[in-house]
Amino acid sequence: MKTKVEKINVNHIEVAIIVRAINTRKRIEFFTNPEDQFQIGAFNMNKGEKIQPHIHLNQERKLKDTVELIYVLNGELIVNF
Protein backbone atom coordinates (compact mmCIF):
# COMPACT_ATOMS: atom_id res chain seq x y z
CA MET A 1 0.00 0.00 0.00
CA LYS A 2 1.34 3.41 -1.00
CA THR A 3 1.15 6.35 1.40
CA LYS A 4 -1.84 8.50 0.54
CA VAL A 5 -1.29 12.26 0.82
CA GLU A 6 -4.29 14.53 0.46
CA LYS A 7 -3.88 18.31 0.30
CA ILE A 8 -6.88 20.39 1.34
CA ASN A 9 -7.33 23.84 -0.22
CA VAL A 10 -9.84 26.52 0.73
CA ASN A 11 -10.12 29.48 -1.64
CA HIS A 12 -6.91 28.33 -3.39
CA ILE A 13 -4.95 28.33 -0.10
CA GLU A 14 -3.52 25.08 1.25
CA VAL A 15 -4.97 24.69 4.74
CA ALA A 16 -4.25 21.05 5.53
CA ILE A 17 -2.26 18.00 4.52
CA ILE A 18 -3.69 14.63 5.43
CA VAL A 19 -1.28 11.69 5.45
CA ARG A 20 -2.99 8.33 5.91
CA ALA A 21 -1.21 5.12 6.85
CA ILE A 22 2.38 6.10 6.13
CA ASN A 23 3.99 3.26 4.22
CA THR A 24 7.20 3.72 2.28
CA ARG A 25 9.71 1.34 0.78
CA LYS A 26 12.19 4.19 0.36
CA ARG A 27 14.79 4.76 3.07
CA ILE A 28 13.66 8.38 3.41
CA GLU A 29 10.55 9.89 1.83
CA PHE A 30 9.15 13.39 2.32
CA PHE A 31 5.51 14.12 1.55
CA THR A 32 5.86 17.91 1.48
CA ASN A 33 7.78 20.23 -0.82
CA PRO A 34 11.27 21.35 0.27
CA GLU A 35 10.12 24.98 0.44
CA ASP A 36 7.15 24.19 2.71
CA GLN A 37 7.30 25.61 6.22
CA PHE A 38 6.45 22.26 7.81
CA GLN A 39 8.18 19.11 6.61
CA ILE A 40 6.44 15.72 6.79
CA GLY A 41 8.54 12.66 6.10
CA ALA A 42 8.97 8.99 6.91
CA PHE A 43 12.02 6.83 7.39
CA ASN A 44 12.23 3.12 6.56
CA MET A 45 15.40 1.98 8.25
CA ASN A 46 16.71 -1.31 9.56
CA LYS A 47 17.25 -1.82 13.26
CA GLY A 48 20.65 -0.42 14.22
CA GLU A 49 20.90 1.71 11.07
CA LYS A 50 21.92 5.27 11.84
CA ILE A 51 21.29 8.65 10.27
CA GLN A 52 24.56 10.40 9.48
CA PRO A 53 25.10 13.47 11.65
CA HIS A 54 24.21 16.55 9.64
CA ILE A 55 23.16 20.15 9.99
CA HIS A 56 20.35 22.13 8.47
CA LEU A 57 21.64 25.32 6.93
CA ASN A 58 20.26 28.58 8.26
CA GLN A 59 17.46 29.92 6.10
CA GLU A 60 15.75 33.21 6.70
CA ARG A 61 12.00 32.69 6.67
CA LYS A 62 9.08 34.99 7.25
CA LEU A 63 6.28 33.27 9.07
CA LYS A 64 2.76 34.52 8.45
CA ASP A 65 0.83 31.73 10.13
CA THR A 66 1.11 29.21 12.92
CA VAL A 67 1.58 25.62 11.78
CA GLU A 68 -0.18 22.92 13.76
CA LEU A 69 0.06 19.13 13.73
CA ILE A 70 -2.90 17.03 14.82
CA TYR A 71 -2.16 13.32 15.05
CA VAL A 72 -5.33 11.22 15.14
CA LEU A 73 -4.73 7.68 16.37
CA ASN A 74 -8.30 6.49 16.15
CA GLY A 75 -11.61 7.97 15.13
CA GLU A 76 -12.26 11.04 13.05
CA LEU A 77 -11.66 14.77 13.19
CA ILE A 78 -14.12 17.32 11.84
CA VAL A 79 -12.69 20.74 10.92
CA ASN A 80 -14.86 23.68 9.87
CA PHE A 81 -13.41 26.63 7.93
PDB file of N, CA and C in Angstrom:
ATOM      1  N   MET A   1       0.830  -1.174   0.000  1.00  0.00           N
ATOM      2  CA  MET A   1       0.000   0.000   0.000  1.00  0.00           C
ATOM      3  C   MET A   1       0.878   1.242   0.000  1.00  0.00           C
ATOM      4  N   LYS A   2       0.591   2.165  -0.889  1.00  0.00           N
ATOM      5  CA  LYS A   2       1.341   3.414  -0.995  1.00  0.00           C
ATOM      6  C   LYS A   2       0.760   4.428  -0.017  1.00  0.00           C
ATOM      7  N   THR A   3       1.608   5.289   0.510  1.00  0.00           N
ATOM      8  CA  THR A   3       1.153   6.347   1.395  1.00  0.00           C
ATOM      9  C   THR A   3       0.248   7.290   0.617  1.00  0.00           C
ATOM     10  N   LYS A   4      -0.897   7.601   1.189  1.00  0.00           N
ATOM     11  CA  LYS A   4      -1.836   8.505   0.535  1.00  0.00           C
ATOM     12  C   LYS A   4      -1.709   9.879   1.180  1.00  0.00           C
ATOM     13  N   VAL A   5      -1.410  10.879   0.364  1.00  0.00           N
ATOM     14  CA  VAL A   5      -1.288  12.255   0.821  1.00  0.00           C
ATOM     15  C   VAL A   5      -2.397  13.060   0.156  1.00  0.00           C
ATOM     16  N   GLU A   6      -3.187  13.729   0.975  1.00  0.00           N
ATOM     17  CA  GLU A   6      -4.293  14.529   0.458  1.00  0.00           C
ATOM     18  C   GLU A   6      -4.088  15.974   0.916  1.00  0.00           C
ATOM     19  N   LYS A   7      -4.040  16.894  -0.023  1.00  0.00           N
ATOM     20  CA  LYS A   7      -3.878  18.312   0.304  1.00  0.00           C
ATOM     21  C   LYS A   7      -5.239  18.985   0.209  1.00  0.00           C
ATOM     22  N   ILE A   8      -5.589  19.720   1.271  1.00  0.00           N
ATOM     23  CA  ILE A   8      -6.883  20.390   1.342  1.00  0.00           C
ATOM     24  C   ILE A   8      -6.682  21.883   1.096  1.00  0.00           C
ATOM     25  N   ASN A   9      -7.404  22.418   0.121  1.00  0.00           N
ATOM     26  CA  ASN A   9      -7.330  23.841  -0.219  1.00  0.00           C
ATOM     27  C   ASN A   9      -8.690  24.494   0.014  1.00  0.00           C
ATOM     28  N   VAL A  10      -8.650  25.691   0.568  1.00  0.00           N
ATOM     29  CA  VAL A  10      -9.841  26.518   0.735  1.00  0.00           C
ATOM     30  C   VAL A  10      -9.536  27.855   0.082  1.00  0.00           C
ATOM     31  N   ASN A  11     -10.345  28.230  -0.888  1.00  0.00           N
ATOM     32  CA  ASN A  11     -10.119  29.475  -1.639  1.00  0.00           C
ATOM     33  C   ASN A  11      -8.695  29.548  -2.202  1.00  0.00           C
ATOM     34  N   HIS A  12      -8.223  28.441  -2.748  1.00  0.00           N
ATOM     35  CA  HIS A  12      -6.911  28.334  -3.395  1.00  0.00           C
ATOM     36  C   HIS A  12      -5.738  28.461  -2.406  1.00  0.00           C
ATOM     37  N   ILE A  13      -6.003  28.283  -1.122  1.00  0.00           N
ATOM     38  CA  ILE A  13      -4.953  28.325  -0.102  1.00  0.00           C
ATOM     39  C   ILE A  13      -4.882  26.957   0.569  1.00  0.00           C
ATOM     40  N   GLU A  14      -3.688  26.373   0.593  1.00  0.00           N
ATOM     41  CA  GLU A  14      -3.518  25.077   1.245  1.00  0.00           C
ATOM     42  C   GLU A  14      -3.692  25.251   2.748  1.00  0.00           C
ATOM     43  N   VAL A  15      -4.679  24.558   3.308  1.00  0.00           N
ATOM     44  CA  VAL A  15      -4.967  24.694   4.736  1.00  0.00           C
ATOM     45  C   VAL A  15      -4.684  23.416   5.522  1.00  0.00           C
ATOM     46  N   ALA A  16      -4.502  22.305   4.819  1.00  0.00           N
ATOM     47  CA  ALA A  16      -4.250  21.054   5.530  1.00  0.00           C
ATOM     48  C   ALA A  16      -3.602  20.042   4.601  1.00  0.00           C
ATOM     49  N   ILE A  17      -2.826  19.161   5.212  1.00  0.00           N
ATOM     50  CA  ILE A  17      -2.257  18.005   4.518  1.00  0.00           C
ATOM     51  C   ILE A  17      -2.635  16.794   5.349  1.00  0.00           C
ATOM     52  N   ILE A  18      -3.302  15.850   4.731  1.00  0.00           N
ATOM     53  CA  ILE A  18      -3.689  14.627   5.429  1.00  0.00           C
ATOM     54  C   ILE A  18      -2.811  13.504   4.898  1.00  0.00           C
ATOM     55  N   VAL A  19      -2.125  12.831   5.809  1.00  0.00           N
ATOM     56  CA  VAL A  19      -1.282  11.690   5.446  1.00  0.00           C
ATOM     57  C   VAL A  19      -1.876  10.472   6.140  1.00  0.00           C
ATOM     58  N   ARG A  20      -2.343   9.532   5.352  1.00  0.00           N
ATOM     59  CA  ARG A  20      -2.986   8.331   5.912  1.00  0.00           C
ATOM     60  C   ARG A  20      -2.046   7.139   5.789  1.00  0.00           C
ATOM     61  N   ALA A  21      -1.946   6.391   6.850  1.00  0.00           N
ATOM     62  CA  ALA A  21      -1.214   5.117   6.849  1.00  0.00           C
ATOM     63  C   ALA A  21       0.127   5.233   6.129  1.00  0.00           C
ATOM     64  N   ILE A  22       1.072   5.926   6.742  1.00  0.00           N
ATOM     65  CA  ILE A  22       2.385   6.096   6.132  1.00  0.00           C
ATOM     66  C   ILE A  22       3.008   4.728   5.870  1.00  0.00           C
ATOM     67  N   ASN A  23       3.370   4.524   4.627  1.00  0.00           N
ATOM     68  CA  ASN A  23       3.990   3.265   4.221  1.00  0.00           C
ATOM     69  C   ASN A  23       4.948   3.589   3.080  1.00  0.00           C
ATOM     70  N   THR A  24       6.221   3.421   3.322  1.00  0.00           N
ATOM     71  CA  THR A  24       7.196   3.722   2.278  1.00  0.00           C
ATOM     72  C   THR A  24       8.214   2.597   2.186  1.00  0.00           C
ATOM     73  N   ARG A  25       8.631   2.306   0.990  1.00  0.00           N
ATOM     74  CA  ARG A  25       9.708   1.343   0.776  1.00  0.00           C
ATOM     75  C   ARG A  25      11.042   2.065   0.651  1.00  0.00           C
ATOM     76  N   LYS A  26      10.975   3.402   0.468  1.00  0.00           N
ATOM     77  CA  LYS A  26      12.191   4.191   0.360  1.00  0.00           C
ATOM     78  C   LYS A  26      12.811   4.350   1.751  1.00  0.00           C
ATOM     79  N   ARG A  27      14.113   4.550   1.787  1.00  0.00           N
ATOM     80  CA  ARG A  27      14.792   4.763   3.066  1.00  0.00           C
ATOM     81  C   ARG A  27      14.297   6.042   3.720  1.00  0.00           C
ATOM     82  N   ILE A  28      14.185   7.108   2.933  1.00  0.00           N
ATOM     83  CA  ILE A  28      13.656   8.382   3.411  1.00  0.00           C
ATOM     84  C   ILE A  28      12.713   8.915   2.344  1.00  0.00           C
ATOM     85  N   GLU A  29      11.512   9.321   2.770  1.00  0.00           N
ATOM     86  CA  GLU A  29      10.553   9.891   1.827  1.00  0.00           C
ATOM     87  C   GLU A  29       9.852  11.070   2.504  1.00  0.00           C
ATOM     88  N   PHE A  30       9.863  12.222   1.824  1.00  0.00           N
ATOM     89  CA  PHE A  30       9.151  13.394   2.315  1.00  0.00           C
ATOM     90  C   PHE A  30       7.885  13.570   1.505  1.00  0.00           C
ATOM     91  N   PHE A  31       6.808  13.960   2.185  1.00  0.00           N
ATOM     92  CA  PHE A  31       5.505  14.116   1.547  1.00  0.00           C
ATOM     93  C   PHE A  31       5.154  15.584   1.315  1.00  0.00           C
ATOM     94  N   THR A  32       6.052  16.475   1.684  1.00  0.00           N
ATOM     95  CA  THR A  32       5.864  17.905   1.481  1.00  0.00           C
ATOM     96  C   THR A  32       6.963  18.412   0.560  1.00  0.00           C
ATOM     97  N   ASN A  33       6.780  19.609   0.038  1.00  0.00           N
ATOM     98  CA  ASN A  33       7.783  20.226  -0.822  1.00  0.00           C
ATOM     99  C   ASN A  33       8.910  20.808   0.021  1.00  0.00           C
ATOM    100  N   PRO A  34      10.138  20.830  -0.502  1.00  0.00           N
ATOM    101  CA  PRO A  34      11.275  21.352   0.269  1.00  0.00           C
ATOM    102  C   PRO A  34      11.071  22.784   0.761  1.00  0.00           C
ATOM    103  N   GLU A  35      10.308  23.587   0.031  1.00  0.00           N
ATOM    104  CA  GLU A  35      10.116  24.981   0.439  1.00  0.00           C
ATOM    105  C   GLU A  35       8.974  25.152   1.447  1.00  0.00           C
ATOM    106  N   ASP A  36       8.237  24.093   1.739  1.00  0.00           N
ATOM    107  CA  ASP A  36       7.148  24.194   2.711  1.00  0.00           C
ATOM    108  C   ASP A  36       7.693  24.482   4.099  1.00  0.00           C
ATOM    109  N   GLN A  37       6.903  25.230   4.869  1.00  0.00           N
ATOM    110  CA  GLN A  37       7.297  25.614   6.221  1.00  0.00           C
ATOM    111  C   GLN A  37       7.382  24.400   7.142  1.00  0.00           C
ATOM    112  N   PHE A  38       6.503  23.449   6.956  1.00  0.00           N
ATOM    113  CA  PHE A  38       6.447  22.263   7.806  1.00  0.00           C
ATOM    114  C   PHE A  38       6.791  21.051   6.950  1.00  0.00           C
ATOM    115  N   GLN A  39       7.736  20.268   7.383  1.00  0.00           N
ATOM    116  CA  GLN A  39       8.178  19.108   6.612  1.00  0.00           C
ATOM    117  C   GLN A  39       7.598  17.828   7.207  1.00  0.00           C
ATOM    118  N   ILE A  40       6.982  17.007   6.360  1.00  0.00           N
ATOM    119  CA  ILE A  40       6.439  15.718   6.787  1.00  0.00           C
ATOM    120  C   ILE A  40       7.181  14.637   6.019  1.00  0.00           C
ATOM    121  N   GLY A  41       7.785  13.719   6.746  1.00  0.00           N
ATOM    122  CA  GLY A  41       8.545  12.658   6.102  1.00  0.00           C
ATOM    123  C   GLY A  41       8.475  11.370   6.886  1.00  0.00           C
ATOM    124  N   ALA A  42       8.928  10.304   6.268  1.00  0.00           N
ATOM    125  CA  ALA A  42       8.972   8.991   6.909  1.00  0.00           C
ATOM    126  C   ALA A  42      10.310   8.335   6.602  1.00  0.00           C
ATOM    127  N   PHE A  43      10.768   7.556   7.544  1.00  0.00           N
ATOM    128  CA  PHE A  43      12.017   6.828   7.393  1.00  0.00           C
ATOM    129  C   PHE A  43      11.710   5.338   7.426  1.00  0.00           C
ATOM    130  N   ASN A  44      12.353   4.577   6.573  1.00  0.00           N
ATOM    131  CA  ASN A  44      12.225   3.123   6.555  1.00  0.00           C
ATOM    132  C   ASN A  44      13.638   2.581   6.718  1.00  0.00           C
ATOM    133  N   MET A  45      14.023   2.350   7.962  1.00  0.00           N
ATOM    134  CA  MET A  45      15.404   1.976   8.250  1.00  0.00           C
ATOM    135  C   MET A  45      15.438   0.650   9.002  1.00  0.00           C
ATOM    136  N   ASN A  46      16.519  -0.068   8.830  1.00  0.00           N
ATOM    137  CA  ASN A  46      16.711  -1.314   9.557  1.00  0.00           C
ATOM    138  C   ASN A  46      17.147  -1.035  10.980  1.00  0.00           C
ATOM    139  N   LYS A  47      16.843  -1.950  11.872  1.00  0.00           N
ATOM    140  CA  LYS A  47      17.255  -1.825  13.260  1.00  0.00           C
ATOM    141  C   LYS A  47      18.774  -1.656  13.308  1.00  0.00           C
ATOM    142  N   GLY A  48      19.221  -0.682  14.081  1.00  0.00           N
ATOM    143  CA  GLY A  48      20.651  -0.421  14.216  1.00  0.00           C
ATOM    144  C   GLY A  48      21.208   0.530  13.178  1.00  0.00           C
ATOM    145  N   GLU A  49      20.451   0.772  12.100  1.00  0.00           N
ATOM    146  CA  GLU A  49      20.903   1.709  11.071  1.00  0.00           C
ATOM    147  C   GLU A  49      20.855   3.115  11.645  1.00  0.00           C
ATOM    148  N   LYS A  50      21.829   3.932  11.278  1.00  0.00           N
ATOM    149  CA  LYS A  50      21.918   5.274  11.837  1.00  0.00           C
ATOM    150  C   LYS A  50      21.809   6.329  10.746  1.00  0.00           C
ATOM    151  N   ILE A  51      21.315   7.483  11.155  1.00  0.00           N
ATOM    152  CA  ILE A  51      21.286   8.648  10.271  1.00  0.00           C
ATOM    153  C   ILE A  51      22.601   9.372  10.474  1.00  0.00           C
ATOM    154  N   GLN A  52      23.288   9.680   9.387  1.00  0.00           N
ATOM    155  CA  GLN A  52      24.556  10.395   9.483  1.00  0.00           C
ATOM    156  C   GLN A  52      24.333  11.759  10.144  1.00  0.00           C
ATOM    157  N   PRO A  53      25.212  12.133  11.067  1.00  0.00           N
ATOM    158  CA  PRO A  53      25.096  13.471  11.652  1.00  0.00           C
ATOM    159  C   PRO A  53      25.149  14.523  10.546  1.00  0.00           C
ATOM    160  N   HIS A  54      24.275  15.503  10.656  1.00  0.00           N
ATOM    161  CA  HIS A  54      24.211  16.546   9.644  1.00  0.00           C
ATOM    162  C   HIS A  54      23.642  17.810  10.264  1.00  0.00           C
ATOM    163  N   ILE A  55      23.732  18.894   9.525  1.00  0.00           N
ATOM    164  CA  ILE A  55      23.161  20.152   9.989  1.00  0.00           C
ATOM    165  C   ILE A  55      22.176  20.654   8.941  1.00  0.00           C
ATOM    166  N   HIS A  56      21.271  21.460   9.386  1.00  0.00           N
ATOM    167  CA  HIS A  56      20.354  22.130   8.474  1.00  0.00           C
ATOM    168  C   HIS A  56      20.846  23.557   8.354  1.00  0.00           C
ATOM    169  N   LEU A  57      21.112  23.983   7.152  1.00  0.00           N
ATOM    170  CA  LEU A  57      21.639  25.321   6.930  1.00  0.00           C
ATOM    171  C   LEU A  57      20.624  26.376   7.360  1.00  0.00           C
ATOM    172  N   ASN A  58      21.138  27.478   7.881  1.00  0.00           N
ATOM    173  CA  ASN A  58      20.258  28.585   8.259  1.00  0.00           C
ATOM    174  C   ASN A  58      19.545  29.113   7.025  1.00  0.00           C
ATOM    175  N   GLN A  59      18.263  29.339   7.168  1.00  0.00           N
ATOM    176  CA  GLN A  59      17.459  29.920   6.103  1.00  0.00           C
ATOM    177  C   GLN A  59      16.562  30.966   6.727  1.00  0.00           C
ATOM    178  N   GLU A  60      16.626  32.170   6.192  1.00  0.00           N
ATOM    179  CA  GLU A  60      15.747  33.208   6.700  1.00  0.00           C
ATOM    180  C   GLU A  60      14.346  32.958   6.162  1.00  0.00           C
ATOM    181  N   ARG A  61      13.387  32.932   7.070  1.00  0.00           N
ATOM    182  CA  ARG A  61      12.002  32.687   6.675  1.00  0.00           C
ATOM    183  C   ARG A  61      11.104  33.691   7.369  1.00  0.00           C
ATOM    184  N   LYS A  62      10.111  34.136   6.656  1.00  0.00           N
ATOM    185  CA  LYS A  62       9.083  34.986   7.246  1.00  0.00           C
ATOM    186  C   LYS A  62       7.867  34.115   7.499  1.00  0.00           C
ATOM    187  N   LEU A  63       7.443  34.070   8.724  1.00  0.00           N
ATOM    188  CA  LEU A  63       6.279  33.271   9.073  1.00  0.00           C
ATOM    189  C   LEU A  63       5.053  34.160   9.150  1.00  0.00           C
ATOM    190  N   LYS A  64       4.012  33.770   8.420  1.00  0.00           N
ATOM    191  CA  LYS A  64       2.763  34.517   8.452  1.00  0.00           C
ATOM    192  C   LYS A  64       1.743  33.816   9.337  1.00  0.00           C
ATOM    193  N   ASP A  65       1.843  32.511   9.430  1.00  0.00           N
ATOM    194  CA  ASP A  65       0.835  31.726  10.126  1.00  0.00           C
ATOM    195  C   ASP A  65       1.479  30.753  11.092  1.00  0.00           C
ATOM    196  N   THR A  66       0.676  30.262  11.999  1.00  0.00           N
ATOM    197  CA  THR A  66       1.112  29.214  12.916  1.00  0.00           C
ATOM    198  C   THR A  66       0.804  27.868  12.271  1.00  0.00           C
ATOM    199  N   VAL A  67       1.759  26.961  12.327  1.00  0.00           N
ATOM    200  CA  VAL A  67       1.579  25.617  11.782  1.00  0.00           C
ATOM    201  C   VAL A  67       1.229  24.696  12.940  1.00  0.00           C
ATOM    202  N   GLU A  68       0.292  23.808  12.702  1.00  0.00           N
ATOM    203  CA  GLU A  68      -0.184  22.922  13.757  1.00  0.00           C
ATOM    204  C   GLU A  68      -0.226  21.496  13.231  1.00  0.00           C
ATOM    205  N   LEU A  69       0.149  20.550  14.076  1.00  0.00           N
ATOM    206  CA  LEU A  69       0.064  19.133  13.732  1.00  0.00           C
ATOM    207  C   LEU A  69      -0.961  18.497  14.647  1.00  0.00           C
ATOM    208  N   ILE A  70      -1.919  17.803  14.049  1.00  0.00           N
ATOM    209  CA  ILE A  70      -2.901  17.034  14.817  1.00  0.00           C
ATOM    210  C   ILE A  70      -2.747  15.589  14.380  1.00  0.00           C
ATOM    211  N   TYR A  71      -2.402  14.737  15.327  1.00  0.00           N
ATOM    212  CA  TYR A  71      -2.160  13.323  15.048  1.00  0.00           C
ATOM    213  C   TYR A  71      -3.334  12.528  15.603  1.00  0.00           C
ATOM    214  N   VAL A  72      -4.146  11.960  14.724  1.00  0.00           N
ATOM    215  CA  VAL A  72      -5.331  11.219  15.141  1.00  0.00           C
ATOM    216  C   VAL A  72      -4.998   9.732  15.112  1.00  0.00           C
ATOM    217  N   LEU A  73      -5.021   9.111  16.285  1.00  0.00           N
ATOM    218  CA  LEU A  73      -4.725   7.684  16.367  1.00  0.00           C
ATOM    219  C   LEU A  73      -5.926   6.836  15.982  1.00  0.00           C
ATOM    220  N   ASN A  74      -7.105   7.281  16.376  1.00  0.00           N
ATOM    221  CA  ASN A  74      -8.299   6.487  16.145  1.00  0.00           C
ATOM    222  C   ASN A  74      -9.489   7.428  16.084  1.00  0.00           C
ATOM    223  N   GLY A  75     -10.423   7.151  15.227  1.00  0.00           N
ATOM    224  CA  GLY A  75     -11.613   7.974  15.128  1.00  0.00           C
ATOM    225  C   GLY A  75     -11.533   8.948  13.983  1.00  0.00           C
ATOM    226  N   GLU A  76     -12.258  10.053  14.124  1.00  0.00           N
ATOM    227  CA  GLU A  76     -12.259  11.043  13.052  1.00  0.00           C
ATOM    228  C   GLU A  76     -12.191  12.444  13.635  1.00  0.00           C
ATOM    229  N   LEU A  77     -11.786  13.374  12.807  1.00  0.00           N
ATOM    230  CA  LEU A  77     -11.660  14.774  13.186  1.00  0.00           C
ATOM    231  C   LEU A  77     -12.467  15.585  12.188  1.00  0.00           C
ATOM    232  N   ILE A  78     -13.329  16.455  12.702  1.00  0.00           N
ATOM    233  CA  ILE A  78     -14.117  17.322  11.844  1.00  0.00           C
ATOM    234  C   ILE A  78     -13.583  18.745  12.019  1.00  0.00           C
ATOM    235  N   VAL A  79     -13.232  19.378  10.898  1.00  0.00           N
ATOM    236  CA  VAL A  79     -12.689  20.741  10.922  1.00  0.00           C
ATOM    237  C   VAL A  79     -13.601  21.604  10.054  1.00  0.00           C
ATOM    238  N   ASN A  80     -14.021  22.726  10.608  1.00  0.00           N
ATOM    239  CA  ASN A  80     -14.855  23.679   9.869  1.00  0.00           C
ATOM    240  C   ASN A  80     -14.056  24.921   9.572  1.00  0.00           C
ATOM    241  N   PHE A  81     -14.112  25.396   8.325  1.00  0.00           N
ATOM    242  CA  PHE A  81     -13.409  26.625   7.929  1.00  0.00           C
ATOM    243  C   PHE A  81     -14.429  27.705   7.668  1.00  0.00           C
TER     244      PHE A  81
END
